C-alpha atoms as a PDB file:
ATOM      1  CA  MET A   1       0.000   0.000   0.000  1.00  0.00           C
ATOM      2  CA  PRO A   2       1.560   3.329  -1.005  1.00  0.00           C
ATOM      3  CA  ASP A   3       2.165   6.064   1.546  1.00  0.00           C
ATOM      4  CA  ILE A   4      -0.629   8.591   1.800  1.00  0.00           C
ATOM      5  CA  LYS A   5       0.696  12.125   1.851  1.00  0.00           C
ATOM      6  CA  TYR A   6      -0.841  14.383   4.451  1.00  0.00           C
ATOM      7  CA  GLU A   7      -0.416  18.108   4.749  1.00  0.00           C
ATOM      8  CA  ILE A   8      -0.952  20.824   7.298  1.00  0.00           C
ATOM      9  CA  ARG A   9      -3.426  23.266   5.823  1.00  0.00           C
ATOM     10  CA  LEU A  10      -3.911  26.654   7.407  1.00  0.00           C
ATOM     11  CA  ILE A  11      -7.334  28.223   7.079  1.00  0.00           C
ATOM     12  CA  VAL A  12      -7.551  31.941   7.724  1.00  0.00           C
ATOM     13  CA  ASP A  13     -11.143  32.706   8.730  1.00  0.00           C
ATOM     14  CA  GLY A  14     -12.284  30.852   5.627  1.00  0.00           C
ATOM     15  CA  ASN A  15     -10.780  33.624   3.492  1.00  0.00           C
ATOM     16  CA  ILE A  16      -9.613  31.818   0.355  1.00  0.00           C
ATOM     17  CA  GLU A  17      -7.440  34.735  -0.754  1.00  0.00           C
ATOM     18  CA  LEU A  18      -5.480  34.718   2.508  1.00  0.00           C
ATOM     19  CA  GLU A  19      -5.378  30.911   2.504  1.00  0.00           C
ATOM     20  CA  LYS A  20      -3.687  31.015  -0.907  1.00  0.00           C
ATOM     21  CA  ILE A  21      -1.141  33.551   0.345  1.00  0.00           C
ATOM     22  CA  PHE A  22      -0.227  31.149   3.133  1.00  0.00           C
ATOM     23  CA  GLU A  23      -0.363  28.070   0.930  1.00  0.00           C
ATOM     24  CA  LEU A  24       3.377  28.206   0.247  1.00  0.00           C
ATOM     25  CA  GLU A  25       3.973  27.634   3.968  1.00  0.00           C
ATOM     26  CA  ASN A  26       2.130  24.295   3.953  1.00  0.00           C
ATOM     27  CA  GLU A  27       4.316  21.301   4.711  1.00  0.00           C
ATOM     28  CA  THR A  28       3.763  17.701   3.717  1.00  0.00           C
ATOM     29  CA  PHE A  29       4.485  14.573   5.744  1.00  0.00           C
ATOM     30  CA  ASN A  30       3.899  10.856   5.300  1.00  0.00           C
ATOM     31  CA  HIS A  31       1.914  10.077   8.431  1.00  0.00           C
ATOM     32  CA  PRO A  32      -0.195  12.148  10.852  1.00  0.00           C
ATOM     33  CA  SER A  33       1.994  11.051  13.776  1.00  0.00           C
ATOM     34  CA  LYS A  34       4.854  13.013  12.210  1.00  0.00           C
ATOM     35  CA  ALA A  35       2.822  16.213  12.513  1.00  0.00           C
ATOM     36  CA  ARG A  36       3.982  17.042  16.052  1.00  0.00           C
ATOM     37  CA  PHE A  37       6.946  19.142  14.955  1.00  0.00           C
ATOM     38  CA  LEU A  38       4.768  21.021  12.470  1.00  0.00           C
ATOM     39  CA  LEU A  39       2.109  21.643  15.111  1.00  0.00           C
ATOM     40  CA  GLU A  40       4.698  23.002  17.538  1.00  0.00           C
ATOM     41  CA  LYS A  41       6.114  25.197  14.788  1.00  0.00           C
ATOM     42  CA  PHE A  42       2.634  26.477  13.943  1.00  0.00           C
ATOM     43  CA  PHE A  43       1.659  27.280  17.523  1.00  0.00           C
ATOM     44  CA  SER A  44       5.009  28.924  18.291  1.00  0.00           C
ATOM     45  CA  HIS A  45       4.386  31.378  15.438  1.00  0.00           C
ATOM     46  CA  LYS A  46       0.580  31.559  15.645  1.00  0.00           C
ATOM     47  CA  ASN A  47       0.315  35.049  17.189  1.00  0.00           C
ATOM     48  CA  GLU A  48       2.902  36.474  14.823  1.00  0.00           C
ATOM     49  CA  ILE A  49       1.100  34.991  11.814  1.00  0.00           C
ATOM     50  CA  GLU A  50      -2.292  36.249  12.997  1.00  0.00           C
ATOM     51  CA  GLN A  51      -0.917  39.762  13.421  1.00  0.00           C
ATOM     52  CA  GLU A  52       0.581  39.691   9.931  1.00  0.00           C
ATOM     53  CA  PHE A  53      -2.737  38.675   8.392  1.00  0.00           C
ATOM     54  CA  SER A  54      -4.640  41.202  10.514  1.00  0.00           C
ATOM     55  CA  HIS A  55      -2.520  43.955   8.977  1.00  0.00           C
ATOM     56  CA  ARG A  56      -3.298  42.665   5.488  1.00  0.00           C
ATOM     57  CA  GLU A  57      -7.018  42.474   6.241  1.00  0.00           C
ATOM     58  CA  ARG A  58      -7.718  46.067   7.227  1.00  0.00           C
ATOM     59  CA  SER A  59     -11.437  45.417   7.476  1.00  0.00           C
ATOM     60  CA  ARG A  60     -10.909  42.996  10.356  1.00  0.00           C
ATOM     61  CA  GLU A  61      -9.698  43.766  13.824  1.00  0.00           C
ATOM     62  CA  ASN A  62      -8.392  40.250  14.367  1.00  0.00           C
ATOM     63  CA  CYS A  63      -7.577  37.434  12.021  1.00  0.00           C
ATOM     64  CA  LYS A  64      -7.761  33.950  13.509  1.00  0.00           C
ATOM     65  CA  LEU A  65      -6.037  30.917  12.079  1.00  0.00           C
ATOM     66  CA  ARG A  66      -7.350  27.384  12.149  1.00  0.00           C
ATOM     67  CA  MET A  67      -5.275  24.383  11.294  1.00  0.00           C
ATOM     68  CA  ALA A  68      -6.317  21.121   9.664  1.00  0.00           C
ATOM     69  CA  VAL A  69      -4.559  17.846   8.988  1.00  0.00           C
ATOM     70  CA  CYS A  70      -5.807  16.537   5.677  1.00  0.00           C
ATOM     71  CA  SER A  71      -4.956  14.031   3.025  1.00  0.00           C
ATOM     72  CA  LYS A  72      -3.737  15.644  -0.167  1.00  0.00           C
ATOM     73  CA  TYR A  73      -6.340  13.519  -1.980  1.00  0.00           C
ATOM     74  CA  ASP A  74      -9.258  13.815   0.428  1.00  0.00           C
ATOM     75  CA  LYS A  75     -11.216  16.434   2.266  1.00  0.00           C
ATOM     76  CA  VAL A  76     -10.137  17.606   5.723  1.00  0.00           C
ATOM     77  CA  LYS A  77      -9.495  14.682   8.086  1.00  0.00           C
ATOM     78  CA  ARG A  78      -9.205  16.462  11.393  1.00  0.00           C
ATOM     79  CA  GLU A  79      -9.313  20.098  12.358  1.00  0.00           C
ATOM     80  CA  ILE A  80      -7.053  21.208  15.192  1.00  0.00           C
END
């Protein structure tokens, strides 16, 4: 059975335009158990990232990020 590639997908308030801007920061891994490092990396930079997007979205006071672990071939598996 071939490895299924999973990725960390960041969703910025459901704003597709902002999601695409952040898409280049997505990282891929072979198994969800390998996501721990990526989760720690995400949460260590979460406030900084939210502030950056808040500046880009002048119409919003705050910009919240959500994170999902999903198969590259399927819909979202688990939202974090």
